[in-house]
């Protein structure tokens, strides 16, 4: 039984993958890389161009972003390469979008015309 989950740990979002052993989880490669970058940063290594941006996206923000571009849920999902089922879940607050999806939704919400121009 494999799957992924995102957990909050000390203010950091970590994605873990379920292992074959019940109750055991391992870090995804992206989470492991992020933790390594964070550790390097705490040691003073500024060579990595990592920049942490925290963007809060609430379910209402997602629906507002969709309405700003004037698209139905299905059309919005197709236009921006999202799953309609996932978009519906996000609009209902389960689960919260992460990573690039969160940034994309914020961009659409703040600059809907720019987001549409960028993909057309």
PDB file of N, CA and C in Angstrom:
ATOM      1  N   UNK A   1       0.847  -1.177   0.000  1.00  0.00           N
ATOM      2  CA  UNK A   1       0.000   0.000   0.000  1.00  0.00           C
ATOM      3  C   UNK A   1       0.891   1.237   0.000  1.00  0.00           C
ATOM      4  N   UNK A   2       1.036   1.846  -1.170  1.00  0.00           N
ATOM      5  CA  UNK A   2       1.888   3.018  -1.291  1.00  0.00           C
ATOM      6  C   UNK A   2       1.027   4.260  -1.394  1.00  0.00           C
ATOM      7  N   UNK A   3       1.576   5.395  -1.028  1.00  0.00           N
ATOM      8  CA  UNK A   3       0.879   6.660  -1.103  1.00  0.00           C
ATOM      9  C   UNK A   3       1.770   7.756  -0.571  1.00  0.00           C
ATOM     10  N   UNK A   4       1.314   8.968  -0.703  1.00  0.00           N
ATOM     11  CA  UNK A   4       2.063  10.117  -0.229  1.00  0.00           C
ATOM     12  C   UNK A   4       1.232  10.876   0.783  1.00  0.00           C
ATOM     13  N   UNK A   5       1.896  11.554   1.677  1.00  0.00           N
ATOM     14  CA  UNK A   5       1.216  12.471   2.579  1.00  0.00           C
ATOM     15  C   UNK A   5       2.153  13.630   2.852  1.00  0.00           C
ATOM     16  N   UNK A   6       1.575  14.764   3.104  1.00  0.00           N
ATOM     17  CA  UNK A   6       2.345  15.948   3.455  1.00  0.00           C
ATOM     18  C   UNK A   6       2.083  16.240   4.917  1.00  0.00           C
ATOM     19  N   UNK A   7       3.148  16.407   5.670  1.00  0.00           N
ATOM     20  CA  UNK A   7       3.022  16.664   7.100  1.00  0.00           C
ATOM     21  C   UNK A   7       3.749  17.956   7.442  1.00  0.00           C
ATOM     22  N   UNK A   8       3.282  18.623   8.480  1.00  0.00           N
ATOM     23  CA  UNK A   8       3.958  19.814   8.996  1.00  0.00           C
ATOM     24  C   UNK A   8       4.923  19.347  10.073  1.00  0.00           C
ATOM     25  N   UNK A   9       6.164  19.777   9.980  1.00  0.00           N
ATOM     26  CA  UNK A   9       7.160  19.425  10.981  1.00  0.00           C
ATOM     27  C   UNK A   9       7.977  20.665  11.283  1.00  0.00           C
ATOM     28  N   UNK A  10       7.779  21.228  12.435  1.00  0.00           N
ATOM     29  CA  UNK A  10       8.536  22.412  12.832  1.00  0.00           C
ATOM     30  C   UNK A  10       8.369  23.579  11.881  1.00  0.00           C
ATOM     31  N   UNK A  11       7.167  23.745  11.348  1.00  0.00           N
ATOM     32  CA  UNK A  11       6.919  24.845  10.427  1.00  0.00           C
ATOM     33  C   UNK A  11       7.323  24.556   8.997  1.00  0.00           C
ATOM     34  N   UNK A  12       7.765  23.335   8.719  1.00  0.00           N
ATOM     35  CA  UNK A  12       8.201  22.955   7.376  1.00  0.00           C
ATOM     36  C   UNK A  12       7.241  21.893   6.849  1.00  0.00           C
ATOM     37  N   UNK A  13       6.850  22.029   5.575  1.00  0.00           N
ATOM     38  CA  UNK A  13       6.036  20.996   4.940  1.00  0.00           C
ATOM     39  C   UNK A  13       6.964  19.916   4.414  1.00  0.00           C
ATOM     40  N   UNK A  14       6.676  18.674   4.772  1.00  0.00           N
ATOM     41  CA  UNK A  14       7.489  17.553   4.330  1.00  0.00           C
ATOM     42  C   UNK A  14       6.575  16.541   3.663  1.00  0.00           C
ATOM     43  N   UNK A  15       6.976  16.087   2.466  1.00  0.00           N
ATOM     44  CA  UNK A  15       6.206  15.062   1.778  1.00  0.00           C
ATOM     45  C   UNK A  15       6.858  13.715   2.051  1.00  0.00           C
ATOM     46  N   UNK A  16       6.059  12.765   2.472  1.00  0.00           N
ATOM     47  CA  UNK A  16       6.571  11.437   2.787  1.00  0.00           C
ATOM     48  C   UNK A  16       5.817  10.405   1.965  1.00  0.00           C
ATOM     49  N   UNK A  17       6.498   9.312   1.631  1.00  0.00           N
ATOM     50  CA  UNK A  17       5.883   8.231   0.879  1.00  0.00           C
ATOM     51  C   UNK A  17       5.723   7.017   1.790  1.00  0.00           C
ATOM     52  N   UNK A  18       4.546   6.396   1.727  1.00  0.00           N
ATOM     53  CA  UNK A  18       4.301   5.204   2.533  1.00  0.00           C
ATOM     54  C   UNK A  18       5.147   4.060   1.995  1.00  0.00           C
ATOM     55  N   UNK A  19       5.821   3.389   2.890  1.00  0.00           N
ATOM     56  CA  UNK A  19       6.636   2.237   2.508  1.00  0.00           C
ATOM     57  C   UNK A  19       5.776   0.982   2.588  1.00  0.00           C
ATOM     58  N   UNK A  20       6.333  -0.128   2.160  1.00  0.00           N
ATOM     59  CA  UNK A  20       5.610  -1.390   2.180  1.00  0.00           C
ATOM     60  C   UNK A  20       5.281  -1.841   3.603  1.00  0.00           C
ATOM     61  N   UNK A  21       6.049  -1.367   4.575  1.00  0.00           N
ATOM     62  CA  UNK A  21       5.818  -1.744   5.968  1.00  0.00           C
ATOM     63  C   UNK A  21       4.744  -0.854   6.572  1.00  0.00           C
ATOM     64  N   UNK A  22       3.730  -1.413   7.205  1.00  0.00           N
ATOM     65  CA  UNK A  22       2.660  -0.602   7.797  1.00  0.00           C
ATOM     66  C   UNK A  22       3.198   0.432   8.778  1.00  0.00           C
ATOM     67  N   UNK A  23       2.708   1.651   8.646  1.00  0.00           N
ATOM     68  CA  UNK A  23       3.086   2.710   9.576  1.00  0.00           C
ATOM     69  C   UNK A  23       4.429   3.349   9.304  1.00  0.00           C
ATOM     70  N   UNK A  24       5.135   2.894   8.292  1.00  0.00           N
ATOM     71  CA  UNK A  24       6.453   3.455   7.988  1.00  0.00           C
ATOM     72  C   UNK A  24       6.361   4.405   6.806  1.00  0.00           C
ATOM     73  N   UNK A  25       7.061   5.510   6.915  1.00  0.00           N
ATOM     74  CA  UNK A  25       7.067   6.518   5.858  1.00  0.00           C
ATOM     75  C   UNK A  25       8.506   6.896   5.556  1.00  0.00           C
ATOM     76  N   UNK A  26       8.798   7.254   4.304  1.00  0.00           N
ATOM     77  CA  UNK A  26      10.121   7.769   3.960  1.00  0.00           C
ATOM     78  C   UNK A  26       9.943   9.093   3.233  1.00  0.00           C
ATOM     79  N   UNK A  27      10.965   9.923   3.250  1.00  0.00           N
ATOM     80  CA  UNK A  27      10.882  11.226   2.605  1.00  0.00           C
ATOM     81  C   UNK A  27      10.927  11.080   1.096  1.00  0.00           C
ATOM     82  N   UNK A  28      10.172  11.922   0.424  1.00  0.00           N
ATOM     83  CA  UNK A  28      10.234  11.957  -1.033  1.00  0.00           C
ATOM     84  C   UNK A  28      11.562  12.601  -1.420  1.00  0.00           C
ATOM     85  N   UNK A  29      12.050  12.356  -2.645  1.00  0.00           N
ATOM     86  CA  UNK A  29      13.300  12.980  -3.076  1.00  0.00           C
ATOM     87  C   UNK A  29      13.254  14.510  -3.002  1.00  0.00           C
ATOM     88  N   UNK A  30      12.107  15.110  -3.347  1.00  0.00           N
ATOM     89  CA  UNK A  30      11.992  16.571  -3.301  1.00  0.00           C
ATOM     90  C   UNK A  30      12.096  17.074  -1.861  1.00  0.00           C
ATOM     91  N   UNK A  31      11.467  16.363  -0.919  1.00  0.00           N
ATOM     92  CA  UNK A  31      11.539  16.780   0.484  1.00  0.00           C
ATOM     93  C   UNK A  31      12.952  16.627   1.016  1.00  0.00           C
ATOM     94  N   UNK A  32      13.603  15.535   0.636  1.00  0.00           N
ATOM     95  CA  UNK A  32      14.971  15.313   1.084  1.00  0.00           C
ATOM     96  C   UNK A  32      15.890  16.416   0.555  1.00  0.00           C
ATOM     97  N   UNK A  33      15.734  16.779  -0.714  1.00  0.00           N
ATOM     98  CA  UNK A  33      16.542  17.851  -1.287  1.00  0.00           C
ATOM     99  C   UNK A  33      16.275  19.166  -0.556  1.00  0.00           C
ATOM    100  N   UNK A  34      15.006  19.442  -0.272  1.00  0.00           N
ATOM    101  CA  UNK A  34      14.658  20.669   0.437  1.00  0.00           C
ATOM    102  C   UNK A  34      15.267  20.725   1.824  1.00  0.00           C
ATOM    103  N   UNK A  35      15.237  19.602   2.520  1.00  0.00           N
ATOM    104  CA  UNK A  35      15.847  19.566   3.855  1.00  0.00           C
ATOM    105  C   UNK A  35      17.358  19.763   3.781  1.00  0.00           C
ATOM    106  N   UNK A  36      17.992  19.159   2.764  1.00  0.00           N
ATOM    107  CA  UNK A  36      19.434  19.343   2.609  1.00  0.00           C
ATOM    108  C   UNK A  36      19.764  20.809   2.333  1.00  0.00           C
ATOM    109  N   UNK A  37      18.942  21.472   1.501  1.00  0.00           N
ATOM    110  CA  UNK A  37      19.155  22.888   1.228  1.00  0.00           C
ATOM    111  C   UNK A  37      18.955  23.725   2.485  1.00  0.00           C
ATOM    112  N   UNK A  38      17.951  23.382   3.280  1.00  0.00           N
ATOM    113  CA  UNK A  38      17.694  24.118   4.518  1.00  0.00           C
ATOM    114  C   UNK A  38      18.858  23.954   5.490  1.00  0.00           C
ATOM    115  N   UNK A  39      19.384  22.741   5.601  1.00  0.00           N
ATOM    116  CA  UNK A  39      20.530  22.519   6.483  1.00  0.00           C
ATOM    117  C   UNK A  39      21.749  23.289   5.998  1.00  0.00           C
ATOM    118  N   UNK A  40      21.991  23.300   4.692  1.00  0.00           N
ATOM    119  CA  UNK A  40      23.118  24.054   4.138  1.00  0.00           C
ATOM    120  C   UNK A  40      22.946  25.544   4.447  1.00  0.00           C
ATOM    121  N   UNK A  41      21.725  26.021   4.336  1.00  0.00           N
ATOM    122  CA  UNK A  41      21.440  27.436   4.611  1.00  0.00           C
ATOM    123  C   UNK A  41      21.724  27.769   6.073  1.00  0.00           C
ATOM    124  N   UNK A  42      21.327  26.879   6.986  1.00  0.00           N
ATOM    125  CA  UNK A  42      21.567  27.146   8.409  1.00  0.00           C
ATOM    126  C   UNK A  42      23.055  27.126   8.731  1.00  0.00           C
ATOM    127  N   UNK A  43      23.837  26.399   7.928  1.00  0.00           N
ATOM    128  CA  UNK A  43      25.289  26.373   8.131  1.00  0.00           C
ATOM    129  C   UNK A  43      25.971  27.582   7.491  1.00  0.00           C
ATOM    130  N   UNK A  44      25.188  28.434   6.838  1.00  0.00           N
ATOM    131  CA  UNK A  44      25.758  29.631   6.227  1.00  0.00           C
ATOM    132  C   UNK A  44      26.085  29.483   4.759  1.00  0.00           C
ATOM    133  N   UNK A  45      25.805  28.332   4.175  1.00  0.00           N
ATOM    134  CA  UNK A  45      26.062  28.110   2.752  1.00  0.00           C
ATOM    135  C   UNK A  45      24.983  28.812   1.941  1.00  0.00           C
ATOM    136  N   UNK A  46      25.353  29.912   1.311  1.00  0.00           N
ATOM    137  CA  UNK A  46      24.391  30.683   0.525  1.00  0.00           C
ATOM    138  C   UNK A  46      24.533  30.396  -0.970  1.00  0.00           C
ATOM    139  N   UNK A  47      25.310  29.354  -1.329  1.00  0.00           N
ATOM    140  CA  UNK A  47      25.524  29.050  -2.742  1.00  0.00           C
ATOM    141  C   UNK A  47      24.264  28.520  -3.414  1.00  0.00           C
ATOM    142  N   UNK A  48      23.440  27.828  -2.659  1.00  0.00           N
ATOM    143  CA  UNK A  48      22.185  27.334  -3.230  1.00  0.00           C
ATOM    144  C   UNK A  48      21.231  28.516  -3.375  1.00  0.00           C
ATOM    145  N   UNK A  49      20.634  28.612  -4.530  1.00  0.00           N
ATOM    146  CA  UNK A  49      19.735  29.744  -4.794  1.00  0.00           C
ATOM    147  C   UNK A  49      18.327  29.432  -4.316  1.00  0.00           C
ATOM    148  N   UNK A  50      18.236  28.696  -3.236  1.00  0.00           N
ATOM    149  CA  UNK A  50      16.917  28.324  -2.721  1.00  0.00           C
ATOM    150  C   UNK A  50      16.275  29.530  -2.056  1.00  0.00           C
ATOM    151  N   UNK A  51      15.025  29.722  -2.353  1.00  0.00           N
ATOM    152  CA  UNK A  51      14.262  30.810  -1.748  1.00  0.00           C
ATOM    153  C   UNK A  51      12.937  30.229  -1.310  1.00  0.00           C
ATOM    154  N   UNK A  52      12.634  30.328  -0.066  1.00  0.00           N
ATOM    155  CA  UNK A  52      11.392  29.777   0.443  1.00  0.00           C
ATOM    156  C   UNK A  52      10.326  30.847   0.392  1.00  0.00           C
ATOM    157  N   UNK A  53       9.255  30.544  -0.292  1.00  0.00           N
ATOM    158  CA  UNK A  53       8.138  31.467  -0.402  1.00  0.00           C
ATOM    159  C   UNK A  53       6.918  30.755   0.158  1.00  0.00           C
ATOM    160  N   UNK A  54       6.296  31.355   1.131  1.00  0.00           N
ATOM    161  CA  UNK A  54       5.095  30.763   1.718  1.00  0.00           C
ATOM    162  C   UNK A  54       3.892  31.563   1.254  1.00  0.00           C
ATOM    163  N   UNK A  55       3.036  30.895   0.542  1.00  0.00           N
ATOM    164  CA  UNK A  55       1.829  31.527   0.015  1.00  0.00           C
ATOM    165  C   UNK A  55       0.637  30.767   0.571  1.00  0.00           C
ATOM    166  N   UNK A  56      -0.223  31.471   1.263  1.00  0.00           N
ATOM    167  CA  UNK A  56      -1.416  30.835   1.818  1.00  0.00           C
ATOM    168  C   UNK A  56      -2.525  30.872   0.765  1.00  0.00           C
ATOM    169  N   UNK A  57      -3.108  29.724   0.493  1.00  0.00           N
ATOM    170  CA  UNK A  57      -4.221  29.639  -0.451  1.00  0.00           C
ATOM    171  C   UNK A  57      -5.384  28.976   0.273  1.00  0.00           C
ATOM    172  N   UNK A  58      -6.446  29.747   0.449  1.00  0.00           N
ATOM    173  CA  UNK A  58      -7.640  29.216   1.103  1.00  0.00           C
ATOM    174  C   UNK A  58      -8.607  28.724   0.037  1.00  0.00           C
ATOM    175  N   UNK A  59      -9.511  27.801   0.392  1.00  0.00           N
ATOM    176  CA  UNK A  59     -10.470  27.287  -0.582  1.00  0.00           C
ATOM    177  C   UNK A  59     -11.243  28.387  -1.314  1.00  0.00           C
ATOM    178  N   UNK A  60     -11.640  29.420  -0.596  1.00  0.00           N
ATOM    179  CA  UNK A  60     -12.362  30.524  -1.226  1.00  0.00           C
ATOM    180  C   UNK A  60     -11.517  31.263  -2.255  1.00  0.00           C
ATOM    181  N   UNK A  61     -10.183  31.320  -2.017  1.00  0.00           N
ATOM    182  CA  UNK A  61      -9.274  31.969  -2.957  1.00  0.00           C
ATOM    183  C   UNK A  61      -9.252  31.236  -4.291  1.00  0.00           C
ATOM    184  N   UNK A  62      -9.352  29.925  -4.230  1.00  0.00           N
ATOM    185  CA  UNK A  62      -9.299  29.114  -5.447  1.00  0.00           C
ATOM    186  C   UNK A  62     -10.527  29.379  -6.307  1.00  0.00           C
ATOM    187  N   UNK A  63     -11.682  29.364  -5.689  1.00  0.00           N
ATOM    188  CA  UNK A  63     -12.919  29.644  -6.424  1.00  0.00           C
ATOM    189  C   UNK A  63     -12.902  31.067  -6.973  1.00  0.00           C
ATOM    190  N   UNK A  64     -12.409  32.022  -6.186  1.00  0.00           N
ATOM    191  CA  UNK A  64     -12.309  33.411  -6.636  1.00  0.00           C
ATOM    192  C   UNK A  64     -11.391  33.515  -7.851  1.00  0.00           C
ATOM    193  N   UNK A  65     -10.258  32.827  -7.814  1.00  0.00           N
ATOM    194  CA  UNK A  65      -9.327  32.843  -8.946  1.00  0.00           C
ATOM    195  C   UNK A  65     -10.000  32.301 -10.199  1.00  0.00           C
ATOM    196  N   UNK A  66     -10.739  31.221 -10.040  1.00  0.00           N
ATOM    197  CA  UNK A  66     -11.445  30.616 -11.170  1.00  0.00           C
ATOM    198  C   UNK A  66     -12.475  31.575 -11.736  1.00  0.00           C
ATOM    199  N   UNK A  67     -13.201  32.248 -10.866  1.00  0.00           N
ATOM    200  CA  UNK A  67     -14.233  33.190 -11.328  1.00  0.00           C
ATOM    201  C   UNK A  67     -13.616  34.420 -11.983  1.00  0.00           C
ATOM    202  N   UNK A  68     -12.419  34.827 -11.538  1.00  0.00           N
ATOM    203  CA  UNK A  68     -11.759  35.988 -12.140  1.00  0.00           C
ATOM    204  C   UNK A  68     -11.434  35.755 -13.607  1.00  0.00           C
ATOM    205  N   UNK A  69     -11.132  34.503 -13.960  1.00  0.00           N
ATOM    206  CA  UNK A  69     -10.841  34.211 -15.361  1.00  0.00           C
ATOM    207  C   UNK A  69     -12.104  33.798 -16.121  1.00  0.00           C
ATOM    208  N   UNK A  70     -13.247  33.714 -15.401  1.00  0.00           N
ATOM    209  CA  UNK A  70     -14.529  33.467 -16.048  1.00  0.00           C
ATOM    210  C   UNK A  70     -14.696  32.078 -16.628  1.00  0.00           C
ATOM    211  N   UNK A  71     -14.145  31.080 -15.956  1.00  0.00           N
ATOM    212  CA  UNK A  71     -14.228  29.711 -16.470  1.00  0.00           C
ATOM    213  C   UNK A  71     -14.964  28.799 -15.497  1.00  0.00           C
ATOM    214  N   UNK A  72     -15.629  27.802 -16.062  1.00  0.00           N
ATOM    215  CA  UNK A  72     -16.233  26.764 -15.223  1.00  0.00           C
ATOM    216  C   UNK A  72     -15.109  25.959 -14.578  1.00  0.00           C
ATOM    217  N   UNK A  73     -15.457  25.135 -13.620  1.00  0.00           N
ATOM    218  CA  UNK A  73     -14.436  24.315 -12.952  1.00  0.00           C
ATOM    219  C   UNK A  73     -13.707  23.431 -13.964  1.00  0.00           C
ATOM    220  N   UNK A  74     -14.461  22.755 -14.840  1.00  0.00           N
ATOM    221  CA  UNK A  74     -13.828  21.868 -15.820  1.00  0.00           C
ATOM    222  C   UNK A  74     -12.957  22.638 -16.808  1.00  0.00           C
ATOM    223  N   UNK A  75     -13.456  23.775 -17.297  1.00  0.00           N
ATOM    224  CA  UNK A  75     -12.687  24.578 -18.250  1.00  0.00           C
ATOM    225  C   UNK A  75     -11.421  25.139 -17.592  1.00  0.00           C
ATOM    226  N   UNK A  76     -11.538  25.583 -16.346  1.00  0.00           N
ATOM    227  CA  UNK A  76     -10.383  26.098 -15.602  1.00  0.00           C
ATOM    228  C   UNK A  76      -9.336  24.998 -15.450  1.00  0.00           C
ATOM    229  N   UNK A  77      -9.786  23.811 -15.063  1.00  0.00           N
ATOM    230  CA  UNK A  77      -8.869  22.690 -14.877  1.00  0.00           C
ATOM    231  C   UNK A  77      -8.150  22.362 -16.185  1.00  0.00           C
ATOM    232  N   UNK A  78      -8.886  22.265 -17.286  1.00  0.00           N
ATOM    233  CA  UNK A  78      -8.273  21.963 -18.590  1.00  0.00           C
ATOM    234  C   UNK A  78      -7.289  23.059 -18.997  1.00  0.00           C
ATOM    235  N   UNK A  79      -7.688  24.307 -18.820  1.00  0.00           N
ATOM    236  CA  UNK A  79      -6.860  25.440 -19.236  1.00  0.00           C
ATOM    237  C   UNK A  79      -5.514  25.449 -18.523  1.00  0.00           C
ATOM    238  N   UNK A  80      -5.516  25.156 -17.230  1.00  0.00           N
ATOM    239  CA  UNK A  80      -4.289  25.249 -16.439  1.00  0.00           C
ATOM    240  C   UNK A  80      -3.657  23.893 -16.119  1.00  0.00           C
ATOM    241  N   UNK A  81      -4.113  22.835 -16.791  1.00  0.00           N
ATOM    242  CA  UNK A  81      -3.487  21.526 -16.636  1.00  0.00           C
ATOM    243  C   UNK A  81      -3.718  20.871 -15.292  1.00  0.00           C
ATOM    244  N   UNK A  82      -4.896  21.091 -14.725  1.00  0.00           N
ATOM    245  CA  UNK A  82      -5.235  20.515 -13.427  1.00  0.00           C
ATOM    246  C   UNK A  82      -6.299  19.442 -13.598  1.00  0.00           C
ATOM    247  N   UNK A  83      -6.393  18.568 -12.655  1.00  0.00           N
ATOM    248  CA  UNK A  83      -7.457  17.571 -12.628  1.00  0.00           C
ATOM    249  C   UNK A  83      -8.730  18.232 -12.095  1.00  0.00           C
ATOM    250  N   UNK A  84      -9.861  18.084 -12.799  1.00  0.00           N
ATOM    251  CA  UNK A  84     -11.109  18.652 -12.279  1.00  0.00           C
ATOM    252  C   UNK A  84     -11.459  18.135 -10.880  1.00  0.00           C
ATOM    253  N   UNK A  85     -11.188  16.863 -10.638  1.00  0.00           N
ATOM    254  CA  UNK A  85     -11.488  16.288  -9.317  1.00  0.00           C
ATOM    255  C   UNK A  85     -10.614  16.927  -8.230  1.00  0.00           C
ATOM    256  N   UNK A  86      -9.343  17.138  -8.546  1.00  0.00           N
ATOM    257  CA  UNK A  86      -8.445  17.776  -7.582  1.00  0.00           C
ATOM    258  C   UNK A  86      -8.868  19.208  -7.330  1.00  0.00           C
ATOM    259  N   UNK A  87      -9.233  19.922  -8.395  1.00  0.00           N
ATOM    260  CA  UNK A  87      -9.687  21.304  -8.244  1.00  0.00           C
ATOM    261  C   UNK A  87     -10.919  21.373  -7.351  1.00  0.00           C
ATOM    262  N   UNK A  88     -11.860  20.456  -7.550  1.00  0.00           N
ATOM    263  CA  UNK A  88     -13.063  20.409  -6.716  1.00  0.00           C
ATOM    264  C   UNK A  88     -12.686  20.180  -5.255  1.00  0.00           C
ATOM    265  N   UNK A  89     -11.763  19.259  -5.021  1.00  0.00           N
ATOM    266  CA  UNK A  89     -11.327  18.987  -3.642  1.00  0.00           C
ATOM    267  C   UNK A  89     -10.675  20.220  -3.021  1.00  0.00           C
ATOM    268  N   UNK A  90      -9.835  20.902  -3.797  1.00  0.00           N
ATOM    269  CA  UNK A  90      -9.189  22.115  -3.273  1.00  0.00           C
ATOM    270  C   UNK A  90     -10.229  23.159  -2.913  1.00  0.00           C
ATOM    271  N   UNK A  91     -11.231  23.322  -3.781  1.00  0.00           N
ATOM    272  CA  UNK A  91     -12.273  24.313  -3.503  1.00  0.00           C
ATOM    273  C   UNK A  91     -13.084  23.947  -2.262  1.00  0.00           C
ATOM    274  N   UNK A  92     -13.109  22.671  -1.917  1.00  0.00           N
ATOM    275  CA  UNK A  92     -13.804  22.214  -0.718  1.00  0.00           C
ATOM    276  C   UNK A  92     -12.869  22.098   0.486  1.00  0.00           C
ATOM    277  N   UNK A  93     -11.590  22.493   0.307  1.00  0.00           N
ATOM    278  CA  UNK A  93     -10.645  22.504   1.422  1.00  0.00           C
ATOM    279  C   UNK A  93     -10.006  21.182   1.756  1.00  0.00           C
ATOM    280  N   UNK A  94      -9.990  20.244   0.816  1.00  0.00           N
ATOM    281  CA  UNK A  94      -9.417  18.925   1.096  1.00  0.00           C
ATOM    282  C   UNK A  94      -8.634  18.403  -0.084  1.00  0.00           C
ATOM    283  N   UNK A  95      -7.417  18.130  -0.079  1.00  0.00           N
ATOM    284  CA  UNK A  95      -6.390  18.712   0.778  1.00  0.00           C
ATOM    285  C   UNK A  95      -5.996  20.069   0.222  1.00  0.00           C
ATOM    286  N   UNK A  96      -5.170  20.749   0.907  1.00  0.00           N
ATOM    287  CA  UNK A  96      -4.711  22.071   0.485  1.00  0.00           C
ATOM    288  C   UNK A  96      -3.668  21.911  -0.632  1.00  0.00           C
ATOM    289  N   UNK A  97      -3.715  22.770  -1.675  1.00  0.00           N
ATOM    290  CA  UNK A  97      -2.705  22.670  -2.737  1.00  0.00           C
ATOM    291  C   UNK A  97      -1.305  22.940  -2.194  1.00  0.00           C
ATOM    292  N   UNK A  98      -0.321  22.304  -2.789  1.00  0.00           N
ATOM    293  CA  UNK A  98       1.060  22.480  -2.355  1.00  0.00           C
ATOM    294  C   UNK A  98       1.935  22.861  -3.542  1.00  0.00           C
ATOM    295  N   UNK A  99       3.129  23.278  -3.245  1.00  0.00           N
ATOM    296  CA  UNK A  99       4.154  23.509  -4.245  1.00  0.00           C
ATOM    297  C   UNK A  99       3.746  24.409  -5.392  1.00  0.00           C
ATOM    298  N   UNK A 100       4.026  23.934  -6.598  1.00  0.00           N
ATOM    299  CA  UNK A 100       3.781  24.722  -7.805  1.00  0.00           C
ATOM    300  C   UNK A 100       2.298  25.030  -7.989  1.00  0.00           C
ATOM    301  N   UNK A 101       1.430  24.124  -7.579  1.00  0.00           N
ATOM    302  CA  UNK A 101      -0.015  24.374  -7.710  1.00  0.00           C
ATOM    303  C   UNK A 101      -0.422  25.578  -6.872  1.00  0.00           C
ATOM    304  N   UNK A 102       0.131  25.694  -5.690  1.00  0.00           N
ATOM    305  CA  UNK A 102      -0.183  26.823  -4.813  1.00  0.00           C
ATOM    306  C   UNK A 102       0.281  28.136  -5.451  1.00  0.00           C
ATOM    307  N   UNK A 103       1.474  28.122  -6.027  1.00  0.00           N
ATOM    308  CA  UNK A 103       2.000  29.322  -6.675  1.00  0.00           C
ATOM    309  C   UNK A 103       1.161  29.666  -7.905  1.00  0.00           C
ATOM    310  N   UNK A 104       0.803  28.659  -8.705  1.00  0.00           N
ATOM    311  CA  UNK A 104      -0.024  28.895  -9.889  1.00  0.00           C
ATOM    312  C   UNK A 104      -1.360  29.518  -9.503  1.00  0.00           C
ATOM    313  N   UNK A 105      -2.018  28.980  -8.506  1.00  0.00           N
ATOM    314  CA  UNK A 105      -3.314  29.510  -8.080  1.00  0.00           C
ATOM    315  C   UNK A 105      -3.190  30.941  -7.549  1.00  0.00           C
ATOM    316  N   UNK A 106      -2.089  31.232  -6.874  1.00  0.00           N
ATOM    317  CA  UNK A 106      -1.866  32.587  -6.386  1.00  0.00           C
ATOM    318  C   UNK A 106      -1.655  33.545  -7.556  1.00  0.00           C
ATOM    319  N   UNK A 107      -0.881  33.114  -8.545  1.00  0.00           N
ATOM    320  CA  UNK A 107      -0.663  33.931  -9.731  1.00  0.00           C
ATOM    321  C   UNK A 107      -1.977  34.217 -10.451  1.00  0.00           C
ATOM    322  N   UNK A 108      -2.789  33.194 -10.635  1.00  0.00           N
ATOM    323  CA  UNK A 108      -4.081  33.367 -11.308  1.00  0.00           C
ATOM    324  C   UNK A 108      -4.954  34.335 -10.524  1.00  0.00           C
ATOM    325  N   UNK A 109      -4.959  34.204  -9.215  1.00  0.00           N
ATOM    326  CA  UNK A 109      -5.779  35.061  -8.370  1.00  0.00           C
ATOM    327  C   UNK A 109      -5.331  36.518  -8.431  1.00  0.00           C
ATOM    328  N   UNK A 110      -4.020  36.732  -8.415  1.00  0.00           N
ATOM    329  CA  UNK A 110      -3.490  38.098  -8.374  1.00  0.00           C
ATOM    330  C   UNK A 110      -3.398  38.750  -9.759  1.00  0.00           C
ATOM    331  N   UNK A 111      -3.062  37.957 -10.772  1.00  0.00           N
ATOM    332  CA  UNK A 111      -2.849  38.481 -12.123  1.00  0.00           C
ATOM    333  C   UNK A 111      -3.509  37.568 -13.154  1.00  0.00           C
ATOM    334  N   UNK A 112      -4.851  37.488 -13.149  1.00  0.00           N
ATOM    335  CA  UNK A 112      -5.525  36.540 -14.035  1.00  0.00           C
ATOM    336  C   UNK A 112      -5.219  36.753 -15.518  1.00  0.00           C
ATOM    337  N   UNK A 113      -5.147  37.998 -15.970  1.00  0.00           N
ATOM    338  CA  UNK A 113      -4.877  38.262 -17.384  1.00  0.00           C
ATOM    339  C   UNK A 113      -3.474  37.795 -17.765  1.00  0.00           C
ATOM    340  N   UNK A 114      -2.504  38.038 -16.892  1.00  0.00           N
ATOM    341  CA  UNK A 114      -1.131  37.613 -17.150  1.00  0.00           C
ATOM    342  C   UNK A 114      -1.042  36.091 -17.212  1.00  0.00           C
ATOM    343  N   UNK A 115      -1.742  35.415 -16.317  1.00  0.00           N
ATOM    344  CA  UNK A 115      -1.715  33.946 -16.312  1.00  0.00           C
ATOM    345  C   UNK A 115      -2.296  33.396 -17.615  1.00  0.00           C
ATOM    346  N   UNK A 116      -3.384  33.964 -18.071  1.00  0.00           N
ATOM    347  CA  UNK A 116      -3.977  33.508 -19.336  1.00  0.00           C
ATOM    348  C   UNK A 116      -3.079  33.832 -20.531  1.00  0.00           C
ATOM    349  N   UNK A 117      -2.481  35.021 -20.547  1.00  0.00           N
ATOM    350  CA  UNK A 117      -1.562  35.379 -21.642  1.00  0.00           C
ATOM    351  C   UNK A 117      -0.378  34.418 -21.699  1.00  0.00           C
ATOM    352  N   UNK A 118       0.118  34.024 -20.539  1.00  0.00           N
ATOM    353  CA  UNK A 118       1.298  33.170 -20.474  1.00  0.00           C
ATOM    354  C   UNK A 118       1.071  31.792 -21.070  1.00  0.00           C
ATOM    355  N   UNK A 119      -0.161  31.307 -21.056  1.00  0.00           N
ATOM    356  CA  UNK A 119      -0.411  29.955 -21.553  1.00  0.00           C
ATOM    357  C   UNK A 119      -1.077  29.927 -22.920  1.00  0.00           C
ATOM    358  N   UNK A 120      -1.415  31.072 -23.445  1.00  0.00           N
ATOM    359  CA  UNK A 120      -2.064  31.103 -24.763  1.00  0.00           C
ATOM    360  C   UNK A 120      -1.097  31.433 -25.851  1.00  0.00           C
TER     361      UNK A 120
END
